[in-house]
Amino acid sequence: MSRRLSWDQHALADLGALGSRDRQLARRIRAAIERYAEDDLGDVRKLSGSTNEYRLRVGDWRVVFRLEDGGRAMAISRVLNRRDAYR
């Protein structure tokens, strides 16, 4: 299954800031997002208390996203370190 990706401005800023500090990690996170969008592979869990929010775990980093359009689109809202992701 191939999903369309849409990025919230916060997620782009998060990934851009991370990329300026650790380019390899930013590439790894982007690759994990693309792998999940293409093949449904990755450590993904639904966030409790939410109807349509999920998180993708990439090491100590979390990609928070929503599945839209019947699961055919992935709206990425944040890319955060785990210590900041669940506040």
N, C-alpha and C. Protein backbone atom coordinates (compact mmCIF):
# COMPACT_ATOMS: atom_id res chain seq x y z
N MET A 1 0.85 -1.18 0.00
CA MET A 1 0.00 0.00 0.00
C MET A 1 0.89 1.23 0.00
N SER A 2 0.59 2.15 -0.86
CA SER A 2 1.34 3.39 -0.91
C SER A 2 0.45 4.53 -0.42
N ARG A 3 0.92 5.23 0.59
CA ARG A 3 0.16 6.34 1.15
C ARG A 3 0.76 7.67 0.70
N ARG A 4 -0.09 8.64 0.52
CA ARG A 4 0.37 10.01 0.29
C ARG A 4 0.86 10.58 1.61
N LEU A 5 1.91 11.35 1.56
CA LEU A 5 2.44 11.99 2.76
C LEU A 5 2.13 13.47 2.72
N SER A 6 1.65 13.99 3.83
CA SER A 6 1.51 15.44 3.97
C SER A 6 2.18 15.83 5.29
N TRP A 7 2.90 16.93 5.24
CA TRP A 7 3.70 17.37 6.38
C TRP A 7 3.15 18.66 6.94
N ASP A 8 2.87 18.68 8.23
CA ASP A 8 2.51 19.90 8.93
C ASP A 8 3.77 20.76 9.05
N GLN A 9 3.59 22.06 9.14
CA GLN A 9 4.73 22.96 9.28
C GLN A 9 5.58 22.64 10.52
N HIS A 10 4.92 22.23 11.61
CA HIS A 10 5.66 21.86 12.83
C HIS A 10 6.57 20.66 12.57
N ALA A 11 6.06 19.68 11.85
CA ALA A 11 6.86 18.48 11.56
C ALA A 11 8.06 18.83 10.68
N LEU A 12 7.84 19.68 9.67
CA LEU A 12 8.96 20.11 8.82
C LEU A 12 10.00 20.87 9.62
N ALA A 13 9.55 21.73 10.53
CA ALA A 13 10.48 22.48 11.37
C ALA A 13 11.24 21.54 12.31
N ASP A 14 10.53 20.57 12.89
CA ASP A 14 11.17 19.59 13.77
C ASP A 14 12.27 18.84 13.03
N LEU A 15 11.94 18.33 11.85
CA LEU A 15 12.91 17.54 11.08
C LEU A 15 14.05 18.43 10.58
N GLY A 16 13.75 19.67 10.21
CA GLY A 16 14.80 20.59 9.77
C GLY A 16 15.77 20.92 10.89
N ALA A 17 15.26 21.17 12.09
CA ALA A 17 16.13 21.45 13.23
C ALA A 17 16.99 20.24 13.57
N LEU A 18 16.39 19.06 13.50
CA LEU A 18 17.14 17.84 13.76
C LEU A 18 18.21 17.63 12.70
N GLY A 19 17.85 17.89 11.45
CA GLY A 19 18.80 17.72 10.35
C GLY A 19 20.00 18.63 10.45
N SER A 20 19.81 19.80 11.03
CA SER A 20 20.96 20.71 11.19
C SER A 20 21.92 20.22 12.26
N ARG A 21 21.42 19.42 13.20
CA ARG A 21 22.28 18.86 14.26
C ARG A 21 22.80 17.48 13.90
N ASP A 22 21.95 16.64 13.31
CA ASP A 22 22.31 15.25 13.03
C ASP A 22 21.65 14.81 11.72
N ARG A 23 22.35 15.07 10.63
CA ARG A 23 21.79 14.80 9.30
C ARG A 23 21.48 13.31 9.09
N GLN A 24 22.33 12.43 9.61
CA GLN A 24 22.12 11.00 9.44
C GLN A 24 20.84 10.55 10.15
N LEU A 25 20.60 11.04 11.34
CA LEU A 25 19.38 10.70 12.07
C LEU A 25 18.15 11.21 11.34
N ALA A 26 18.21 12.41 10.81
CA ALA A 26 17.08 12.96 10.06
C ALA A 26 16.78 12.09 8.84
N ARG A 27 17.82 11.63 8.16
CA ARG A 27 17.62 10.72 7.01
C ARG A 27 17.00 9.40 7.45
N ARG A 28 17.44 8.89 8.60
CA ARG A 28 16.90 7.63 9.13
C ARG A 28 15.41 7.77 9.45
N ILE A 29 15.03 8.89 10.04
CA ILE A 29 13.62 9.13 10.37
C ILE A 29 12.79 9.24 9.09
N ARG A 30 13.28 9.99 8.11
CA ARG A 30 12.56 10.13 6.84
C ARG A 30 12.41 8.77 6.15
N ALA A 31 13.46 7.94 6.19
CA ALA A 31 13.40 6.62 5.58
C ALA A 31 12.36 5.74 6.29
N ALA A 32 12.28 5.85 7.63
CA ALA A 32 11.29 5.06 8.38
C ALA A 32 9.87 5.49 8.02
N ILE A 33 9.67 6.80 7.84
CA ILE A 33 8.35 7.30 7.44
C ILE A 33 7.98 6.76 6.07
N GLU A 34 8.90 6.84 5.14
CA GLU A 34 8.64 6.36 3.78
C GLU A 34 8.41 4.85 3.76
N ARG A 35 9.15 4.11 4.58
CA ARG A 35 8.98 2.65 4.65
C ARG A 35 7.59 2.30 5.17
N TYR A 36 7.12 3.03 6.18
CA TYR A 36 5.78 2.77 6.68
C TYR A 36 4.72 3.17 5.65
N ALA A 37 4.92 4.29 4.99
CA ALA A 37 3.96 4.75 3.99
C ALA A 37 3.86 3.76 2.82
N GLU A 38 4.97 3.16 2.44
CA GLU A 38 4.98 2.23 1.31
C GLU A 38 4.56 0.82 1.68
N ASP A 39 5.10 0.30 2.79
CA ASP A 39 4.98 -1.13 3.07
C ASP A 39 4.34 -1.48 4.41
N ASP A 40 3.86 -0.50 5.17
CA ASP A 40 3.31 -0.74 6.51
C ASP A 40 4.31 -1.38 7.46
N LEU A 41 5.59 -1.09 7.28
CA LEU A 41 6.62 -1.64 8.15
C LEU A 41 7.11 -0.58 9.12
N GLY A 42 7.14 -0.93 10.39
CA GLY A 42 7.63 -0.01 11.40
C GLY A 42 6.92 -0.25 12.72
N ASP A 43 7.48 0.34 13.76
CA ASP A 43 6.91 0.22 15.10
C ASP A 43 5.86 1.32 15.28
N VAL A 44 4.63 1.01 14.91
CA VAL A 44 3.53 1.98 14.94
C VAL A 44 2.50 1.54 15.96
N ARG A 45 2.06 2.49 16.76
CA ARG A 45 0.99 2.22 17.73
C ARG A 45 0.02 3.38 17.71
N LYS A 46 -1.23 3.06 17.98
CA LYS A 46 -2.25 4.09 18.10
C LYS A 46 -2.09 4.76 19.45
N LEU A 47 -2.21 6.08 19.48
CA LEU A 47 -2.08 6.81 20.73
C LEU A 47 -3.37 6.68 21.53
N SER A 48 -3.23 6.37 22.80
CA SER A 48 -4.41 6.20 23.64
C SER A 48 -5.11 7.54 23.82
N GLY A 49 -6.41 7.49 23.91
CA GLY A 49 -7.20 8.69 24.08
C GLY A 49 -7.42 9.46 22.79
N SER A 50 -6.97 8.91 21.69
CA SER A 50 -7.10 9.58 20.41
C SER A 50 -7.86 8.68 19.45
N THR A 51 -8.63 9.27 18.60
CA THR A 51 -9.39 8.45 17.65
C THR A 51 -8.59 8.12 16.42
N ASN A 52 -7.67 8.98 16.01
CA ASN A 52 -6.99 8.75 14.75
C ASN A 52 -5.53 9.17 14.75
N GLU A 53 -4.89 9.22 15.92
CA GLU A 53 -3.48 9.60 15.98
C GLU A 53 -2.63 8.38 16.30
N TYR A 54 -1.49 8.33 15.64
CA TYR A 54 -0.55 7.22 15.79
C TYR A 54 0.83 7.78 16.02
N ARG A 55 1.74 6.89 16.46
CA ARG A 55 3.13 7.28 16.55
C ARG A 55 3.97 6.19 15.92
N LEU A 56 5.02 6.63 15.25
CA LEU A 56 6.02 5.73 14.66
C LEU A 56 7.29 5.92 15.47
N ARG A 57 7.80 4.84 16.03
CA ARG A 57 9.01 4.93 16.85
C ARG A 57 10.23 4.70 15.97
N VAL A 58 11.20 5.62 16.09
CA VAL A 58 12.48 5.50 15.39
C VAL A 58 13.55 5.78 16.44
N GLY A 59 14.01 4.73 17.12
CA GLY A 59 14.96 4.91 18.21
C GLY A 59 14.30 5.70 19.33
N ASP A 60 14.94 6.79 19.74
CA ASP A 60 14.39 7.65 20.79
C ASP A 60 13.46 8.73 20.23
N TRP A 61 13.17 8.68 18.95
CA TRP A 61 12.36 9.69 18.29
C TRP A 61 10.98 9.15 17.96
N ARG A 62 9.99 10.04 17.97
CA ARG A 62 8.61 9.66 17.67
C ARG A 62 8.07 10.56 16.57
N VAL A 63 7.45 9.92 15.59
CA VAL A 63 6.77 10.63 14.52
C VAL A 63 5.28 10.50 14.82
N VAL A 64 4.63 11.61 15.09
CA VAL A 64 3.20 11.62 15.41
C VAL A 64 2.45 11.94 14.11
N PHE A 65 1.46 11.10 13.78
CA PHE A 65 0.74 11.29 12.53
C PHE A 65 -0.70 10.81 12.64
N ARG A 66 -1.48 11.19 11.65
CA ARG A 66 -2.87 10.74 11.51
C ARG A 66 -3.00 10.02 10.18
N LEU A 67 -3.84 9.00 10.17
CA LEU A 67 -4.20 8.36 8.91
C LEU A 67 -5.49 8.99 8.43
N GLU A 68 -5.50 9.41 7.19
CA GLU A 68 -6.66 10.09 6.62
C GLU A 68 -7.07 9.41 5.32
N ASP A 69 -8.21 9.81 4.82
CA ASP A 69 -8.71 9.32 3.53
C ASP A 69 -8.76 7.79 3.52
N GLY A 70 -9.33 7.23 4.58
CA GLY A 70 -9.45 5.77 4.64
C GLY A 70 -8.13 5.05 4.73
N GLY A 71 -7.11 5.69 5.28
CA GLY A 71 -5.80 5.07 5.43
C GLY A 71 -4.89 5.27 4.23
N ARG A 72 -5.35 6.01 3.22
CA ARG A 72 -4.55 6.22 2.01
C ARG A 72 -3.63 7.44 2.11
N ALA A 73 -3.77 8.21 3.19
CA ALA A 73 -2.92 9.38 3.37
C ALA A 73 -2.39 9.41 4.80
N MET A 74 -1.19 9.90 4.95
CA MET A 74 -0.53 9.97 6.24
C MET A 74 -0.16 11.43 6.48
N ALA A 75 -0.81 12.06 7.47
CA ALA A 75 -0.57 13.47 7.80
C ALA A 75 0.37 13.53 9.00
N ILE A 76 1.60 13.93 8.77
CA ILE A 76 2.61 13.95 9.81
C ILE A 76 2.54 15.29 10.53
N SER A 77 2.33 15.23 11.86
CA SER A 77 2.15 16.47 12.61
C SER A 77 3.38 16.88 13.40
N ARG A 78 4.17 15.93 13.93
CA ARG A 78 5.35 16.27 14.72
C ARG A 78 6.41 15.19 14.57
N VAL A 79 7.66 15.58 14.79
CA VAL A 79 8.81 14.68 14.90
C VAL A 79 9.54 15.12 16.16
N LEU A 80 9.40 14.33 17.23
CA LEU A 80 9.90 14.75 18.54
C LEU A 80 10.71 13.65 19.22
N ASN A 81 11.60 14.07 20.11
CA ASN A 81 12.27 13.12 20.97
C ASN A 81 11.23 12.56 21.92
N ARG A 82 11.40 11.33 22.33
CA ARG A 82 10.37 10.68 23.16
C ARG A 82 10.11 11.42 24.46
N ARG A 83 11.11 12.10 25.00
CA ARG A 83 10.90 12.83 26.25
C ARG A 83 9.93 14.00 26.07
N ASP A 84 9.79 14.49 24.82
CA ASP A 84 8.91 15.62 24.54
C ASP A 84 7.60 15.21 23.86
N ALA A 85 7.51 14.00 23.38
CA ALA A 85 6.40 13.61 22.52
C ALA A 85 5.08 13.42 23.25
N TYR A 86 5.12 13.05 24.52
CA TYR A 86 3.87 12.68 25.19
C TYR A 86 3.44 13.68 26.24
N ARG A 87 3.87 14.92 26.16
CA ARG A 87 3.49 15.94 27.13
C ARG A 87 2.17 16.54 26.77
